[in-house]
């Protein structure tokens, strides 16, 4: 997600669950993609642990969502907006690095 200062911030557990379900992934499969355990994903989704994705995990999430979008999966308005914001913010950060 994007905060008011236009920085990438971690999704909350509810958003992470929505993202996983949109991608039609089980907790074990989703956990494997992110290099964590199924229990970690479960704790995130239940709100027992704060989601803290590394840059590599953000990129994995971006790749999975982009792949789903390209394959014609309906992401829904909230997740589509989330994906668009991540892409926009990532492009802005790359432009700053290039300058």
Protein backbone atom coordinates (compact mmCIF):
# COMPACT_ATOMS: atom_id res chain seq x y z
CA UNK A 1 0.00 0.00 0.00
CA UNK A 2 1.04 3.63 -0.32
CA UNK A 3 1.05 6.03 2.61
CA UNK A 4 0.32 9.76 2.52
CA UNK A 5 3.99 10.49 1.77
CA UNK A 6 3.83 8.15 -1.25
CA UNK A 7 6.06 5.49 0.32
CA UNK A 8 5.51 1.77 -0.01
CA UNK A 9 4.08 0.32 3.16
CA UNK A 10 3.21 -3.25 4.02
CA UNK A 11 -0.31 -4.55 3.50
CA UNK A 12 -2.23 -5.43 6.62
CA UNK A 13 -3.22 -9.03 7.32
CA UNK A 14 -6.67 -8.64 5.79
CA UNK A 15 -5.22 -7.22 2.55
CA UNK A 16 -2.59 -9.97 2.45
CA UNK A 17 -5.34 -12.58 2.77
CA UNK A 18 -7.32 -10.90 -0.03
CA UNK A 19 -4.21 -10.84 -2.21
CA UNK A 20 -3.53 -14.53 -1.56
CA UNK A 21 -7.13 -15.53 -2.27
CA UNK A 22 -7.19 -13.42 -5.44
CA UNK A 23 -4.12 -15.32 -6.58
CA UNK A 24 -5.92 -18.61 -5.80
CA UNK A 25 -3.05 -19.72 -3.60
CA UNK A 26 -3.13 -21.82 -0.45
CA UNK A 27 -1.29 -20.56 2.61
CA UNK A 28 1.51 -23.14 2.13
CA UNK A 29 2.00 -22.24 -1.54
CA UNK A 30 1.87 -18.49 -0.80
CA UNK A 31 4.34 -18.96 2.07
CA UNK A 32 6.74 -20.84 -0.20
CA UNK A 33 6.71 -17.99 -2.74
CA UNK A 34 7.72 -15.56 0.02
CA UNK A 35 10.22 -17.80 1.79
CA UNK A 36 8.28 -17.99 5.04
CA UNK A 37 6.26 -20.67 6.79
CA UNK A 38 2.54 -21.27 6.48
CA UNK A 39 2.29 -20.38 10.17
CA UNK A 40 3.80 -16.96 9.45
CA UNK A 41 1.23 -16.29 6.72
CA UNK A 42 -1.52 -17.48 9.07
CA UNK A 43 -0.32 -15.13 11.83
CA UNK A 44 -0.21 -12.22 9.38
CA UNK A 45 -3.73 -12.93 8.16
CA UNK A 46 -5.10 -13.37 11.68
CA UNK A 47 -3.56 -10.07 12.77
CA UNK A 48 -1.31 -11.78 15.30
CA UNK A 49 1.83 -10.51 13.61
CA UNK A 50 2.53 -7.32 11.67
CA UNK A 51 3.26 -7.86 7.99
CA UNK A 52 6.79 -6.77 7.12
CA UNK A 53 7.68 -7.63 3.55
CA UNK A 54 11.25 -7.27 2.37
CA UNK A 55 11.93 -5.58 -0.96
CA UNK A 56 12.38 -9.01 -2.52
CA UNK A 57 8.99 -10.09 -1.15
CA UNK A 58 7.34 -6.90 -2.46
CA UNK A 59 8.78 -7.67 -5.88
CA UNK A 60 7.49 -11.24 -5.63
CA UNK A 61 4.03 -9.92 -4.78
CA UNK A 62 4.19 -7.46 -7.66
CA UNK A 63 5.26 -10.23 -10.07
CA UNK A 64 2.44 -12.54 -8.94
CA UNK A 65 -0.21 -9.83 -9.21
CA UNK A 66 1.05 -8.68 -12.60
CA UNK A 67 1.02 -12.28 -13.86
CA UNK A 68 -2.55 -12.74 -12.58
CA UNK A 69 -3.66 -9.51 -14.24
CA UNK A 70 -2.05 -10.46 -17.56
CA UNK A 71 -3.73 -13.88 -17.50
CA UNK A 72 -7.13 -12.18 -17.29
CA UNK A 73 -7.89 -12.83 -13.63
CA UNK A 74 -10.21 -10.27 -12.11
CA UNK A 75 -8.29 -8.61 -9.31
CA UNK A 76 -11.16 -6.53 -8.02
CA UNK A 77 -11.02 -2.75 -7.51
CA UNK A 78 -9.09 -2.70 -4.21
CA UNK A 79 -6.36 -5.04 -5.39
CA UNK A 80 -6.16 -3.40 -8.83
CA UNK A 81 -5.68 -0.05 -7.14
CA UNK A 82 -3.06 -1.56 -4.81
CA UNK A 83 -1.19 -3.01 -7.81
CA UNK A 84 -1.36 0.25 -9.75
CA UNK A 85 -0.05 2.21 -6.75
CA UNK A 86 2.85 -0.20 -6.24
CA UNK A 87 3.79 -0.02 -9.93
CA UNK A 88 3.58 3.78 -9.96
CA UNK A 89 5.62 4.16 -6.79
CA UNK A 90 8.22 1.65 -7.96
CA UNK A 91 8.63 3.52 -11.24
CA UNK A 92 9.09 6.78 -9.31
CA UNK A 93 11.77 5.22 -7.15
CA UNK A 94 13.61 3.87 -10.21
CA UNK A 95 13.49 7.31 -11.84
CA UNK A 96 15.09 8.83 -8.75
CA UNK A 97 17.84 6.24 -8.82
CA UNK A 98 18.49 6.93 -12.52
CA UNK A 99 18.76 10.70 -11.95
